Amino acid sequence: MLFKADTYDFVSESNENNNTFAFQITVNNKSSGNNGKYQTDIGYGLVNAAAAVAKGIGKNAFANINNLGGNNWGADLVKAPEVWAQGYTGKGITVAVIDTGVDTKHVDLSANIWKNTKEIAGNGIDDDGNGYIDDVNGWNFVNNNNNISDVQGHGTHVAGTIAAVKNNIGVTGIAYNAKIMPVKVLGDDGYGTYSGIAKGIRYAVNNGANVINLSLGGDSGNLELQQAIEYANSKGVFVVMASGNEGYSQPGYPAYYAKKWGIAVGSVNYNNDLSYFSNRAGVDPLAYVTAPGENIYSTTPGNSYGYKSGTSMATPHVAGVVALMLSANPNLTPAQVRSILTSTATA
């Protein structure tokens, strides 16, 4: 028989003596608090926005408040509402969603789409001299143009978890006043190249992103991609990476680069149990935390909403938390963000 972390009640009956014996077995594979200790499955544990933001500004942990409930359970689990109550909502922070594109006209996203104010739309000129013509809201590295629309839906879903507007419609993003910079590196089929992703990372860094969300990955490493992540770190941009959905004993790439830069994210469910599909943290310690990633409700193209599961859905919860941290203290370095996230996470 297989056991998960839970309490089980059993009843054993003996027909011969007509005796009944009741006993209880408690199985635990997670502690109630990790105190910064690393575990091979969940890493440092569930990201805690309230504790992370408080530590980032040198304050004691924020007081608990009532949960939002419903489809916002992910925000509740990572304690985002406690941070909002302190007035920190991601304002002034830009998060690059390097993905399949974003539906920039979605009612829950349009107000929070990043705009390149140095570029004049539709004039066919590279006004800001950054090498990309008319990149008013981002760039498409699949087709090398400014069409960042999202047919596949993955990127739009990710964007909503990060920064969907708090408007009593649909869902509220973790950092609902942050800006989303759409960078399309995956095609309508959901696939892309490491080279395209690396170029997307450099574009985001060079155009003002503070945080980069990478809800993507593969089984093998790539030098160009590694160097792009290192470049982001050197420029003060924090990279958040999905650990992968194969159920492996360690993260895939680029999340494995969290040994040195950024952070890897695994998925948990409503009860904070590690998702069966989530790649684990691994024996060799790296910066790895968990976040809600099962049946996550968020924005989808065409002013719609839907549920998706995966470490891709967990990652934007953490990217949103980082945006909250930086909105509270813009002077935090990537190394400080990384240390705070892992030291305040809870198992």
Foldseek 3Di string as FASTA:
>chain_A
DDDDQAKDKDWDADPVVRDIDIDIDGDHPFDFFQLLPQDLFFGLEAFALQQLLQVLVVHDGFDDDDDPDDLALQLVVNVLVSLVVVVQQLAPAEEEQAFAFAQCPAPQAVVQQDFQPQADAPPQDPRVPPPAHRLGREAALVVRHNPRDHLQFLSHFLRFQQAGAPDPPFYGHSRNNHHYRYYHAAHNVGDHDLLSSLVRLQVCLVRHHQEYEALDFDADDDPSNLVSQVVCQVSQHAYFYEQFFQQASDRHPPQVSQQPGHAYEFADASVSHGDSRTHGHRPPRGLYHYGHFFQRWGDGPPNDIGTDGGSSNGRSSVRNSVSSSCSSPVPDGRVRSSVSRSSPHTD
